[in-house]
PDB file of N, CA and C in Angstrom:
ATOM      1  N   MET A   1       0.368  -1.340  -0.158  1.00  0.00           N
ATOM      2  CA  MET A   1       0.029  -0.085   0.086  1.00  0.00           C
ATOM      3  C   MET A   1       0.777   0.722   0.035  1.00  0.00           C
ATOM      4  N   TYR A   2       1.930   1.134   0.602  1.00  0.00           N
ATOM      5  CA  TYR A   2       3.093   2.135   0.755  1.00  0.00           C
ATOM      6  C   TYR A   2       3.936   2.496   0.256  1.00  0.00           C
ATOM      7  N   SER A   3       4.254   1.375  -0.964  1.00  0.00           N
ATOM      8  CA  SER A   3       5.534   1.301  -1.469  1.00  0.00           C
ATOM      9  C   SER A   3       5.432   2.030  -2.568  1.00  0.00           C
ATOM     10  N   PRO A   4       4.670   2.610  -3.041  1.00  0.00           N
ATOM     11  CA  PRO A   4       5.199   3.731  -3.969  1.00  0.00           C
ATOM     12  C   PRO A   4       5.594   4.961  -3.490  1.00  0.00           C
ATOM     13  N   TRP A   5       5.102   5.275  -2.126  1.00  0.00           N
ATOM     14  CA  TRP A   5       5.363   6.991  -1.516  1.00  0.00           C
ATOM     15  C   TRP A   5       6.881   6.656  -0.938  1.00  0.00           C
ATOM     16  N   THR A   6       7.308   5.241  -0.607  1.00  0.00           N
ATOM     17  CA  THR A   6       8.657   4.905   0.530  1.00  0.00           C
ATOM     18  C   THR A   6       9.624   4.695  -0.951  1.00  0.00           C
ATOM     19  N   ASP A   7       9.147   4.225  -2.645  1.00  0.00           N
ATOM     20  CA  ASP A   7      10.047   4.058  -3.845  1.00  0.00           C
ATOM     21  C   ASP A   7      10.289   5.468  -4.058  1.00  0.00           C
ATOM     22  N   THR A   8       9.020   6.541  -3.849  1.00  0.00           N
ATOM     23  CA  THR A   8       9.631   7.921  -5.174  1.00  0.00           C
ATOM     24  C   THR A   8      10.232   8.629  -3.726  1.00  0.00           C
ATOM     25  N   VAL A   9      10.216   8.455  -1.803  1.00  0.00           N
ATOM     26  CA  VAL A   9      11.621   9.111  -1.400  1.00  0.00           C
ATOM     27  C   VAL A   9      12.780   8.397  -1.775  1.00  0.00           C
ATOM     28  N   ARG A  10      12.627   6.953  -1.697  1.00  0.00           N
ATOM     29  CA  ARG A  10      14.201   6.465  -1.307  1.00  0.00           C
ATOM     30  C   ARG A  10      14.552   6.721  -3.318  1.00  0.00           C
ATOM     31  N   ASN A  11      14.126   7.105  -4.156  1.00  0.00           N
ATOM     32  CA  ASN A  11      14.654   7.435  -5.376  1.00  0.00           C
ATOM     33  C   ASN A  11      14.896   9.333  -5.216  1.00  0.00           C
ATOM     34  N   ALA A  12      13.876  10.404  -4.390  1.00  0.00           N
ATOM     35  CA  ALA A  12      15.019  11.282  -4.214  1.00  0.00           C
ATOM     36  C   ALA A  12      15.951  11.537  -3.812  1.00  0.00           C
ATOM     37  N   VAL A  13      15.814  11.226  -2.255  1.00  0.00           N
ATOM     38  CA  VAL A  13      17.036  10.334  -1.935  1.00  0.00           C
ATOM     39  C   VAL A  13      17.923  10.327  -2.569  1.00  0.00           C
ATOM     40  N   ALA A  14      18.249   8.957  -3.501  1.00  0.00           N
ATOM     41  CA  ALA A  14      19.119   9.208  -4.205  1.00  0.00           C
ATOM     42  C   ALA A  14      19.749  10.098  -4.975  1.00  0.00           C
ATOM     43  N   ARG A  15      19.014  10.717  -6.115  1.00  0.00           N
ATOM     44  CA  ARG A  15      18.765  11.742  -6.784  1.00  0.00           C
ATOM     45  C   ARG A  15      19.717  13.465  -5.581  1.00  0.00           C
ATOM     46  N   GLY A  16      20.156  12.915  -4.277  1.00  0.00           N
ATOM     47  CA  GLY A  16      20.886  14.026  -3.722  1.00  0.00           C
ATOM     48  C   GLY A  16      19.857  14.919  -2.680  1.00  0.00           C
ATOM     49  N   LEU A  17      17.743  14.841  -2.957  1.00  0.00           N
ATOM     50  CA  LEU A  17      17.100  15.426  -2.163  1.00  0.00           C
ATOM     51  C   LEU A  17      17.369  15.417  -0.092  1.00  0.00           C
ATOM     52  N   ASP A  18      17.240  16.391   0.131  1.00  0.00           N
ATOM     53  CA  ASP A  18      16.875  15.844   1.603  1.00  0.00           C
ATOM     54  C   ASP A  18      14.984  15.895   1.518  1.00  0.00           C
ATOM     55  N   VAL A  19      14.724  15.096   2.145  1.00  0.00           N
ATOM     56  CA  VAL A  19      13.056  15.028   2.356  1.00  0.00           C
ATOM     57  C   VAL A  19      12.817  14.517   3.892  1.00  0.00           C
ATOM     58  N   ARG A  20      12.159  15.867   4.021  1.00  0.00           N
ATOM     59  CA  ARG A  20      12.089  15.895   6.080  1.00  0.00           C
ATOM     60  C   ARG A  20      10.609  16.343   5.724  1.00  0.00           C
ATOM     61  N   ARG A  21       9.970  15.905   7.059  1.00  0.00           N
ATOM     62  CA  ARG A  21       8.743  16.025   7.499  1.00  0.00           C
ATOM     63  C   ARG A  21       8.662  15.910   9.117  1.00  0.00           C
ATOM     64  N   VAL A  22       8.034  17.680   8.922  1.00  0.00           N
ATOM     65  CA  VAL A  22       7.323  17.695  10.476  1.00  0.00           C
ATOM     66  C   VAL A  22       5.917  17.291  11.019  1.00  0.00           C
ATOM     67  N   ARG A  23       5.713  16.416  11.725  1.00  0.00           N
ATOM     68  CA  ARG A  23       4.544  16.010  12.063  1.00  0.00           C
ATOM     69  C   ARG A  23       3.885  16.595  13.011  1.00  0.00           C
ATOM     70  N   VAL A  24       2.807  17.954  12.635  1.00  0.00           N
ATOM     71  CA  VAL A  24       2.940  18.452  14.286  1.00  0.00           C
ATOM     72  C   VAL A  24       0.893  17.884  14.605  1.00  0.00           C
ATOM     73  N   VAL A  25       1.116  17.323  16.068  1.00  0.00           N
ATOM     74  CA  VAL A  25       0.512  16.407  16.886  1.00  0.00           C
ATOM     75  C   VAL A  25      -0.130  16.991  17.927  1.00  0.00           C
ATOM     76  N   SER A  26      -1.413  16.582  18.126  1.00  0.00           N
ATOM     77  CA  SER A  26      -1.966  16.928  19.331  1.00  0.00           C
ATOM     78  C   SER A  26      -1.806  15.993  20.859  1.00  0.00           C
ATOM     79  N   GLU A  27      -1.245  16.117  21.731  1.00  0.00           N
ATOM     80  CA  GLU A  27      -0.730  15.403  22.756  1.00  0.00           C
ATOM     81  C   GLU A  27      -1.631  15.487  24.101  1.00  0.00           C
ATOM     82  N   PRO A  28      -2.599  14.244  24.295  1.00  0.00           N
ATOM     83  CA  PRO A  28      -2.287  13.221  24.231  1.00  0.00           C
ATOM     84  C   PRO A  28      -2.405  12.605  22.969  1.00  0.00           C
ATOM     85  N   VAL A  29      -1.564  12.082  22.055  1.00  0.00           N
ATOM     86  CA  VAL A  29      -1.881  11.616  20.731  1.00  0.00           C
ATOM     87  C   VAL A  29      -3.163  10.387  20.752  1.00  0.00           C
ATOM     88  N   SER A  30      -3.610  11.158  19.254  1.00  0.00           N
ATOM     89  CA  SER A  30      -5.015   9.767  18.947  1.00  0.00           C
ATOM     90  C   SER A  30      -4.044   8.086  18.855  1.00  0.00           C
ATOM     91  N   ASP A  31      -5.471   7.707  18.371  1.00  0.00           N
ATOM     92  CA  ASP A  31      -5.187   6.645  18.231  1.00  0.00           C
ATOM     93  C   ASP A  31      -4.592   6.741  17.192  1.00  0.00           C
ATOM     94  N   TYR A  32      -5.064   6.499  15.668  1.00  0.00           N
ATOM     95  CA  TYR A  32      -4.789   7.233  14.526  1.00  0.00           C
ATOM     96  C   TYR A  32      -2.932   8.017  14.453  1.00  0.00           C
ATOM     97  N   ILE A  33      -2.722   8.532  15.558  1.00  0.00           N
ATOM     98  CA  ILE A  33      -1.495   8.915  15.407  1.00  0.00           C
ATOM     99  C   ILE A  33      -0.001   8.027  15.946  1.00  0.00           C
ATOM    100  N   ARG A  34      -0.901   6.522  17.508  1.00  0.00           N
ATOM    101  CA  ARG A  34       0.159   5.988  17.231  1.00  0.00           C
ATOM    102  C   ARG A  34      -0.010   4.707  16.250  1.00  0.00           C
ATOM    103  N   PHE A  35      -0.967   4.958  15.909  1.00  0.00           N
ATOM    104  CA  PHE A  35      -0.859   3.881  14.471  1.00  0.00           C
ATOM    105  C   PHE A  35       0.226   4.581  12.981  1.00  0.00           C
ATOM    106  N   GLU A  36      -0.052   6.366  13.157  1.00  0.00           N
ATOM    107  CA  GLU A  36       1.028   6.878  12.195  1.00  0.00           C
ATOM    108  C   GLU A  36       2.431   6.462  12.691  1.00  0.00           C
ATOM    109  N   HIS A  37       2.534   6.522  13.382  1.00  0.00           N
ATOM    110  CA  HIS A  37       4.005   6.505  14.198  1.00  0.00           C
ATOM    111  C   HIS A  37       4.688   5.271  14.192  1.00  0.00           C
ATOM    112  N   ALA A  38       3.717   4.144  14.123  1.00  0.00           N
ATOM    113  CA  ALA A  38       4.345   2.636  14.752  1.00  0.00           C
ATOM    114  C   ALA A  38       4.779   2.243  13.027  1.00  0.00           C
ATOM    115  N   VAL A  39       4.026   2.909  12.271  1.00  0.00           N
ATOM    116  CA  VAL A  39       4.231   2.820  10.547  1.00  0.00           C
ATOM    117  C   VAL A  39       5.909   3.792   9.309  1.00  0.00           C
ATOM    118  N   THR A  40       5.681   4.297  10.575  1.00  0.00           N
ATOM    119  CA  THR A  40       6.640   6.030  10.266  1.00  0.00           C
ATOM    120  C   THR A  40       8.038   4.820   9.903  1.00  0.00           C
ATOM    121  N   GLU A  41       8.393   3.721  10.824  1.00  0.00           N
ATOM    122  CA  GLU A  41       9.645   3.394  10.440  1.00  0.00           C
ATOM    123  C   GLU A  41      10.181   2.606   8.993  1.00  0.00           C
ATOM    124  N   ARG A  42       9.091   1.771   8.778  1.00  0.00           N
ATOM    125  CA  ARG A  42       8.982   1.118   7.756  1.00  0.00           C
ATOM    126  C   ARG A  42       8.719   1.230   6.387  1.00  0.00           C
ATOM    127  N   VAL A  43       7.703   2.736   6.404  1.00  0.00           N
ATOM    128  CA  VAL A  43       6.917   3.428   5.780  1.00  0.00           C
ATOM    129  C   VAL A  43       7.881   4.851   5.196  1.00  0.00           C
ATOM    130  N   ASN A  44       7.967   5.435   5.741  1.00  0.00           N
ATOM    131  CA  ASN A  44       9.116   6.541   5.527  1.00  0.00           C
ATOM    132  C   ASN A  44      10.344   7.074   5.972  1.00  0.00           C
ATOM    133  N   VAL A  45      10.807   6.563   6.625  1.00  0.00           N
ATOM    134  CA  VAL A  45      12.261   6.339   7.422  1.00  0.00           C
ATOM    135  C   VAL A  45      13.189   5.565   6.146  1.00  0.00           C
ATOM    136  N   ALA A  46      12.574   4.156   5.865  1.00  0.00           N
ATOM    137  CA  ALA A  46      12.716   2.804   5.055  1.00  0.00           C
ATOM    138  C   ALA A  46      13.007   3.559   3.839  1.00  0.00           C
ATOM    139  N   GLY A  47      12.306   4.618   3.467  1.00  0.00           N
ATOM    140  CA  GLY A  47      12.596   5.083   1.733  1.00  0.00           C
ATOM    141  C   GLY A  47      13.872   6.470   1.873  1.00  0.00           C
ATOM    142  N   GLY A  48      14.056   7.093   3.217  1.00  0.00           N
ATOM    143  CA  GLY A  48      15.003   8.104   3.356  1.00  0.00           C
ATOM    144  C   GLY A  48      15.130   9.401   3.708  1.00  0.00           C
ATOM    145  N   GLU A  49      12.751   9.206   4.102  1.00  0.00           N
ATOM    146  CA  GLU A  49      12.768  10.511   4.619  1.00  0.00           C
ATOM    147  C   GLU A  49      13.187  11.103   6.472  1.00  0.00           C
ATOM    148  N   ARG A  50      13.064  12.086   6.873  1.00  0.00           N
ATOM    149  CA  ARG A  50      13.665  12.476   7.941  1.00  0.00           C
ATOM    150  C   ARG A  50      12.209  12.700   8.867  1.00  0.00           C
ATOM    151  N   ILE A  51      11.916  12.382   9.727  1.00  0.00           N
ATOM    152  CA  ILE A  51      10.833  12.568  10.111  1.00  0.00           C
ATOM    153  C   ILE A  51      11.243  13.051  11.755  1.00  0.00           C
ATOM    154  N   ARG A  52      10.589  14.796  11.957  1.00  0.00           N
ATOM    155  CA  ARG A  52      10.512  15.140  13.307  1.00  0.00           C
ATOM    156  C   ARG A  52       8.892  15.273  13.655  1.00  0.00           C
ATOM    157  N   TRP A  53       8.250  14.747  14.950  1.00  0.00           N
ATOM    158  CA  TRP A  53       7.256  15.228  15.759  1.00  0.00           C
ATOM    159  C   TRP A  53       7.234  15.862  16.451  1.00  0.00           C
ATOM    160  N   LEU A  54       6.236  17.117  16.262  1.00  0.00           N
ATOM    161  CA  LEU A  54       6.083  18.489  17.255  1.00  0.00           C
ATOM    162  C   LEU A  54       4.988  18.404  18.006  1.00  0.00           C
ATOM    163  N   SER A  55       4.853  18.168  19.095  1.00  0.00           N
ATOM    164  CA  SER A  55       3.743  18.421  19.509  1.00  0.00           C
ATOM    165  C   SER A  55       3.168  20.357  19.142  1.00  0.00           C
ATOM    166  N   ARG A  56       1.279  20.088  18.794  1.00  0.00           N
ATOM    167  CA  ARG A  56       0.982  21.002  18.847  1.00  0.00           C
ATOM    168  C   ARG A  56       0.946  22.438  19.749  1.00  0.00           C
ATOM    169  N   ALA A  57       0.919  22.135  21.062  1.00  0.00           N
ATOM    170  CA  ALA A  57       1.070  23.052  22.355  1.00  0.00           C
ATOM    171  C   ALA A  57       2.814  23.490  21.946  1.00  0.00           C
ATOM    172  N   ARG A  58       3.530  23.276  21.024  1.00  0.00           N
ATOM    173  CA  ARG A  58       4.575  23.618  20.926  1.00  0.00           C
ATOM    174  C   ARG A  58       5.408  24.989  19.557  1.00  0.00           C
ATOM    175  N   THR A  59       4.022  25.391  19.232  1.00  0.00           N
ATOM    176  CA  THR A  59       3.765  25.685  17.668  1.00  0.00           C
ATOM    177  C   THR A  59       2.908  27.425  18.051  1.00  0.00           C
ATOM    178  N   TRP A  60       2.425  27.474  19.400  1.00  0.00           N
ATOM    179  CA  TRP A  60       1.725  28.206  19.540  1.00  0.00           C
ATOM    180  C   TRP A  60       2.318  29.966  18.973  1.00  0.00           C
ATOM    181  N   ASP A  61       3.829  30.032  18.714  1.00  0.00           N
ATOM    182  CA  ASP A  61       4.351  31.723  18.291  1.00  0.00           C
ATOM    183  C   ASP A  61       4.840  31.347  17.136  1.00  0.00           C
ATOM    184  N   LEU A  62       4.550  30.124  16.129  1.00  0.00           N
ATOM    185  CA  LEU A  62       4.961  29.924  14.790  1.00  0.00           C
ATOM    186  C   LEU A  62       4.008  30.149  14.095  1.00  0.00           C
ATOM    187  N   LEU A  63       4.100  30.677  12.600  1.00  0.00           N
ATOM    188  CA  LEU A  63       3.018  30.743  11.489  1.00  0.00           C
ATOM    189  C   LEU A  63       2.956  29.723  11.002  1.00  0.00           C
ATOM    190  N   LEU A  64       2.428  28.550  10.970  1.00  0.00           N
ATOM    191  CA  LEU A  64       2.121  27.804  10.986  1.00  0.00           C
ATOM    192  C   LEU A  64       0.645  27.570  10.123  1.00  0.00           C
ATOM    193  N   PRO A  65       0.761  27.536   8.663  1.00  0.00           N
ATOM    194  CA  PRO A  65      -0.576  26.825   8.375  1.00  0.00           C
ATOM    195  C   PRO A  65      -1.769  25.840   9.005  1.00  0.00           C
ATOM    196  N   GLY A  66      -2.714  26.102   8.810  1.00  0.00           N
ATOM    197  CA  GLY A  66      -3.855  25.182   9.942  1.00  0.00           C
ATOM    198  C   GLY A  66      -4.105  24.230   8.949  1.00  0.00           C
ATOM    199  N   CYS A  67      -3.618  23.191   7.426  1.00  0.00           N
ATOM    200  CA  CYS A  67      -3.617  22.325   6.778  1.00  0.00           C
ATOM    201  C   CYS A  67      -2.007  21.582   6.466  1.00  0.00           C
ATOM    202  N   ASP A  68      -2.314  20.557   5.633  1.00  0.00           N
ATOM    203  CA  ASP A  68      -0.657  20.108   5.399  1.00  0.00           C
ATOM    204  C   ASP A  68      -0.233  21.147   4.335  1.00  0.00           C
ATOM    205  N   LEU A  69       1.331  21.053   4.816  1.00  0.00           N
ATOM    206  CA  LEU A  69       2.013  22.197   3.390  1.00  0.00           C
ATOM    207  C   LEU A  69       3.328  21.169   3.132  1.00  0.00           C
ATOM    208  N   TRP A  70       3.563  20.991   2.247  1.00  0.00           N
ATOM    209  CA  TRP A  70       4.629  20.815   1.642  1.00  0.00           C
ATOM    210  C   TRP A  70       5.382  22.151   0.521  1.00  0.00           C
ATOM    211  N   LEU A  71       6.223  21.752   1.063  1.00  0.00           N
ATOM    212  CA  LEU A  71       7.625  23.639   0.224  1.00  0.00           C
ATOM    213  C   LEU A  71       8.487  22.429  -0.680  1.00  0.00           C
ATOM    214  N   VAL A  72       8.154  22.957  -1.735  1.00  0.00           N
ATOM    215  CA  VAL A  72       9.366  22.540  -3.134  1.00  0.00           C
ATOM    216  C   VAL A  72      10.340  23.256  -3.819  1.00  0.00           C
ATOM    217  N   ASP A  73      11.357  22.955  -3.180  1.00  0.00           N
ATOM    218  CA  ASP A  73      12.954  24.069  -3.670  1.00  0.00           C
ATOM    219  C   ASP A  73      12.813  25.084  -3.212  1.00  0.00           C
ATOM    220  N   ASP A  74      12.019  25.582  -1.633  1.00  0.00           N
ATOM    221  CA  ASP A  74      11.670  26.915  -0.612  1.00  0.00           C
ATOM    222  C   ASP A  74      11.437  28.203  -1.832  1.00  0.00           C
ATOM    223  N   GLU A  75      10.702  26.763  -3.196  1.00  0.00           N
ATOM    224  CA  GLU A  75      10.347  28.067  -4.508  1.00  0.00           C
ATOM    225  C   GLU A  75       8.972  27.613  -4.607  1.00  0.00           C
ATOM    226  N   THR A  76       8.544  26.952  -3.931  1.00  0.00           N
ATOM    227  CA  THR A  76       6.543  26.618  -3.719  1.00  0.00           C
ATOM    228  C   THR A  76       6.033  26.519  -2.680  1.00  0.00           C
ATOM    229  N   ALA A  77       5.207  26.691  -2.419  1.00  0.00           N
ATOM    230  CA  ALA A  77       4.353  26.280  -1.395  1.00  0.00           C
ATOM    231  C   ALA A  77       2.889  25.232  -1.634  1.00  0.00           C
ATOM    232  N   LEU A  78       2.779  24.004  -1.220  1.00  0.00           N
ATOM    233  CA  LEU A  78       1.839  23.796  -1.767  1.00  0.00           C
ATOM    234  C   LEU A  78       0.414  23.222  -0.932  1.00  0.00           C
ATOM    235  N   PHE A  79      -0.544  23.409  -0.320  1.00  0.00           N
ATOM    236  CA  PHE A  79      -1.355  23.583   0.911  1.00  0.00           C
ATOM    237  C   PHE A  79      -2.259  22.313   0.239  1.00  0.00           C
ATOM    238  N   TYR A  80      -2.704  21.137   1.134  1.00  0.00           N
ATOM    239  CA  TYR A  80      -3.282  20.506   1.123  1.00  0.00           C
ATOM    240  C   TYR A  80      -4.512  20.642   1.949  1.00  0.00           C
ATOM    241  N   PHE A  81      -5.934  20.465   1.919  1.00  0.00           N
ATOM    242  CA  PHE A  81      -6.360  20.238   2.818  1.00  0.00           C
ATOM    243  C   PHE A  81      -8.013  18.631   2.995  1.00  0.00           C
ATOM    244  N   PHE A  82      -7.753  18.611   4.310  1.00  0.00           N
ATOM    245  CA  PHE A  82      -8.761  17.184   3.652  1.00  0.00           C
ATOM    246  C   PHE A  82      -9.441  17.332   4.484  1.00  0.00           C
ATOM    247  N   ALA A  83     -10.825  16.683   4.346  1.00  0.00           N
ATOM    248  CA  ALA A  83     -12.278  16.374   5.711  1.00  0.00           C
ATOM    249  C   ALA A  83     -12.152  15.389   6.429  1.00  0.00           C
ATOM    250  N   PRO A  84     -13.268  15.840   7.699  1.00  0.00           N
ATOM    251  CA  PRO A  84     -12.720  15.690   9.032  1.00  0.00           C
ATOM    252  C   PRO A  84     -12.086  13.473   9.026  1.00  0.00           C
ATOM    253  N   ASP A  85     -12.746  13.595   7.849  1.00  0.00           N
ATOM    254  CA  ASP A  85     -12.568  11.565   7.791  1.00  0.00           C
ATOM    255  C   ASP A  85     -11.242  11.740   7.031  1.00  0.00           C
ATOM    256  N   GLY A  86     -10.687  12.445   6.694  1.00  0.00           N
ATOM    257  CA  GLY A  86      -8.638  11.995   6.398  1.00  0.00           C
ATOM    258  C   GLY A  86      -9.149  12.227   4.611  1.00  0.00           C
ATOM    259  N   GLU A  87     -10.617  12.259   3.768  1.00  0.00           N
ATOM    260  CA  GLU A  87     -10.561  12.369   2.271  1.00  0.00           C
ATOM    261  C   GLU A  87     -10.006  13.782   1.953  1.00  0.00           C
ATOM    262  N   PRO A  88      -9.057  13.901   0.798  1.00  0.00           N
ATOM    263  CA  PRO A  88      -8.641  14.859   0.297  1.00  0.00           C
ATOM    264  C   PRO A  88      -9.839  15.370   0.070  1.00  0.00           C
ATOM    265  N   VAL A  89      -9.453  16.644  -0.414  1.00  0.00           N
ATOM    266  CA  VAL A  89     -10.765  17.904  -0.906  1.00  0.00           C
ATOM    267  C   VAL A  89     -10.670  19.360  -1.373  1.00  0.00           C
ATOM    268  N   GLY A  90      -8.901  19.140  -1.321  1.00  0.00           N
ATOM    269  CA  GLY A  90      -8.444  19.970  -2.352  1.00  0.00           C
ATOM    270  C   GLY A  90      -6.846  20.570  -1.761  1.00  0.00           C
ATOM    271  N   SER A  91      -6.897  20.873  -2.953  1.00  0.00           N
ATOM    272  CA  SER A  91      -5.471  21.731  -2.350  1.00  0.00           C
ATOM    273  C   SER A  91      -5.023  23.513  -3.357  1.00  0.00           C
ATOM    274  N   GLN A  92      -4.399  23.746  -3.247  1.00  0.00           N
ATOM    275  CA  GLN A  92      -3.380  25.065  -3.200  1.00  0.00           C
ATOM    276  C   GLN A  92      -2.338  25.390  -3.532  1.00  0.00           C
ATOM    277  N   ALA A  93      -1.884  25.657  -4.899  1.00  0.00           N
ATOM    278  CA  ALA A  93       0.048  25.941  -4.464  1.00  0.00           C
ATOM    279  C   ALA A  93      -0.017  28.010  -4.613  1.00  0.00           C
ATOM    280  N   SER A  94       1.138  28.241  -4.112  1.00  0.00           N
ATOM    281  CA  SER A  94       1.895  29.549  -4.195  1.00  0.00           C
ATOM    282  C   SER A  94       2.961  29.711  -4.508  1.00  0.00           C
ATOM    283  N   THR A  95       3.472  30.298  -5.287  1.00  0.00           N
ATOM    284  CA  THR A  95       5.131  30.881  -5.731  1.00  0.00           C
ATOM    285  C   THR A  95       5.260  31.653  -4.957  1.00  0.00           C
ATOM    286  N   HIS A  96       3.993  32.672  -4.220  1.00  0.00           N
ATOM    287  CA  HIS A  96       4.263  34.124  -4.004  1.00  0.00           C
ATOM    288  C   HIS A  96       5.436  33.942  -2.914  1.00  0.00           C
ATOM    289  N   PRO A  97       6.506  35.020  -3.129  1.00  0.00           N
ATOM    290  CA  PRO A  97       7.592  34.893  -2.619  1.00  0.00           C
ATOM    291  C   PRO A  97       7.404  35.345  -0.870  1.00  0.00           C
ATOM    292  N   ALA A  98       6.344  36.404  -0.685  1.00  0.00           N
ATOM    293  CA  ALA A  98       6.501  36.677   0.437  1.00  0.00           C
ATOM    294  C   ALA A  98       5.350  35.026   1.293  1.00  0.00           C
ATOM    295  N   ILE A  99       4.517  34.540   0.801  1.00  0.00           N
ATOM    296  CA  ILE A  99       4.288  33.445   1.359  1.00  0.00           C
ATOM    297  C   ILE A  99       4.914  32.486   1.330  1.00  0.00           C
ATOM    298  N   VAL A 100       5.690  32.189   0.026  1.00  0.00           N
ATOM    299  CA  VAL A 100       6.609  31.351   0.486  1.00  0.00           C
ATOM    300  C   VAL A 100       8.051  31.233   1.913  1.00  0.00           C
ATOM    301  N   SER A 101       8.382  32.810   1.636  1.00  0.00           N
ATOM    302  CA  SER A 101       9.102  32.697   2.501  1.00  0.00           C
ATOM    303  C   SER A 101       8.785  32.454   4.209  1.00  0.00           C
ATOM    304  N   ARG A 102       7.421  32.927   4.136  1.00  0.00           N
ATOM    305  CA  ARG A 102       6.638  32.697   5.568  1.00  0.00           C
ATOM    306  C   ARG A 102       6.853  31.436   6.007  1.00  0.00           C
ATOM    307  N   CYS A 103       6.265  30.482   4.945  1.00  0.00           N
ATOM    308  CA  CYS A 103       6.594  29.094   4.976  1.00  0.00           C
ATOM    309  C   CYS A 103       8.042  28.750   5.429  1.00  0.00           C
ATOM    310  N   VAL A 104       8.679  29.050   4.316  1.00  0.00           N
ATOM    311  CA  VAL A 104      10.195  28.451   4.550  1.00  0.00           C
ATOM    312  C   VAL A 104      10.510  28.578   6.213  1.00  0.00           C
ATOM    313  N   ASP A 105      10.248  29.620   6.644  1.00  0.00           N
ATOM    314  CA  ASP A 105      10.506  30.095   7.777  1.00  0.00           C
ATOM    315  C   ASP A 105       9.821  29.524   9.253  1.00  0.00           C
ATOM    316  N   ALA A 106       8.835  29.315   8.816  1.00  0.00           N
ATOM    317  CA  ALA A 106       7.642  28.663   9.996  1.00  0.00           C
ATOM    318  C   ALA A 106       8.231  26.642   9.654  1.00  0.00           C
ATOM    319  N   VAL A 107       8.789  26.588   8.713  1.00  0.00           N
ATOM    320  CA  VAL A 107       8.428  24.908   8.749  1.00  0.00           C
ATOM    321  C   VAL A 107      10.398  24.945   9.317  1.00  0.00           C
ATOM    322  N   ALA A 108      11.123  25.776   8.969  1.00  0.00           N
ATOM    323  CA  ALA A 108      12.623  25.642   9.864  1.00  0.00           C
ATOM    324  C   ALA A 108      12.304  25.536  11.116  1.00  0.00           C
ATOM    325  N   ALA A 109      12.057  27.217  11.695  1.00  0.00           N
ATOM    326  CA  ALA A 109      11.091  26.667  12.832  1.00  0.00           C
ATOM    327  C   ALA A 109      10.621  25.602  13.654  1.00  0.00           C
ATOM    328  N   ALA A 110      10.169  24.974  13.084  1.00  0.00           N
ATOM    329  CA  ALA A 110       9.634  23.547  13.429  1.00  0.00           C
ATOM    330  C   ALA A 110       9.820  22.443  13.434  1.00  0.00           C
ATOM    331  N   TRP A 111      10.853  22.755  12.208  1.00  0.00           N
ATOM    332  CA  TRP A 111      12.090  21.604  12.450  1.00  0.00           C
ATOM    333  C   TRP A 111      12.604  20.755  13.648  1.00  0.00           C
ATOM    334  N   GLY A 112      13.325  22.341  14.187  1.00  0.00           N
ATOM    335  CA  GLY A 112      14.404  23.010  15.147  1.00  0.00           C
ATOM    336  C   GLY A 112      13.520  22.302  16.276  1.00  0.00           C
ATOM    337  N   ARG A 113      12.196  22.797  16.578  1.00  0.00           N
ATOM    338  CA  ARG A 113      11.531  21.838  17.729  1.00  0.00           C
ATOM    339  C   ARG A 113      11.274  20.801  18.224  1.00  0.00           C
ATOM    340  N   GLY A 114      11.421  20.167  16.910  1.00  0.00           N
ATOM    341  CA  GLY A 114      10.919  18.756  16.827  1.00  0.00           C
ATOM    342  C   GLY A 114      11.755  17.950  17.368  1.00  0.00           C
ATOM    343  N   ILE A 115      11.089  16.251  17.609  1.00  0.00           N
ATOM    344  CA  ILE A 115      12.054  15.343  18.381  1.00  0.00           C
ATOM    345  C   ILE A 115      11.804  14.034  17.397  1.00  0.00           C
ATOM    346  N   ASP A 116      13.203  13.705  17.380  1.00  0.00           N
ATOM    347  CA  ASP A 116      13.526  13.057  15.892  1.00  0.00           C
ATOM    348  C   ASP A 116      12.435  11.612  16.370  1.00  0.00           C
ATOM    349  N   HIS A 117      11.759  10.725  15.163  1.00  0.00           N
ATOM    350  CA  HIS A 117      11.104   9.814  15.009  1.00  0.00           C
ATOM    351  C   HIS A 117      11.749   8.642  15.704  1.00  0.00           C
ATOM    352  N   ALA A 118      12.765   8.674  15.451  1.00  0.00           N
ATOM    353  CA  ALA A 118      13.297   7.432  16.687  1.00  0.00           C
ATOM    354  C   ALA A 118      13.109   7.634  17.897  1.00  0.00           C
ATOM    355  N   ASP A 119      13.577   8.889  18.543  1.00  0.00           N
ATOM    356  CA  ASP A 119      13.045   9.713  19.982  1.00  0.00           C
ATOM    357  C   ASP A 119      11.886   9.879  20.543  1.00  0.00           C
ATOM    358  N   TYR A 120      10.948  10.186  19.315  1.00  0.00           N
ATOM    359  CA  TYR A 120       9.385  10.264  20.247  1.00  0.00           C
ATOM    360  C   TYR A 120       8.945   9.074  20.689  1.00  0.00           C
ATOM    361  N   ARG A 121       8.437   9.612  21.649  1.00  0.00           N
ATOM    362  CA  ARG A 121       7.169   7.756  22.303  1.00  0.00           C
ATOM    363  C   ARG A 121       5.748   8.659  21.849  1.00  0.00           C
ATOM    364  N   PRO A 122       5.282   8.050  21.527  1.00  0.00           N
ATOM    365  CA  PRO A 122       3.506   8.976  21.094  1.00  0.00           C
ATOM    366  C   PRO A 122       2.626   8.978  22.611  1.00  0.00           C
TER     367      PRO A 122
END
């Protein structure tokens, strides 16, 4: 089920790209987050993705968007929106320098505060 993602990350890392993800979570974590943490090693980390976990309580002063965010080469911000049941409902991309810059800064700050996957205990 997850092998296409793992393969995509593995190929990106082989080309020299740094693939990182900060998972911002509410604590105490839900059963779903415990499941997500459990599969992260064999899905994300196995492909070469670096994962950090960050308690939502530690993000109060960061300008993070309220949706999933991907940065592409620090030039494009991709925002993804999901319904409460987890189904995707849309996306929006921005190359506006001010928006991308704010996202780059926020993600860098979140990364710095995050706990490495190997050390995070949900």
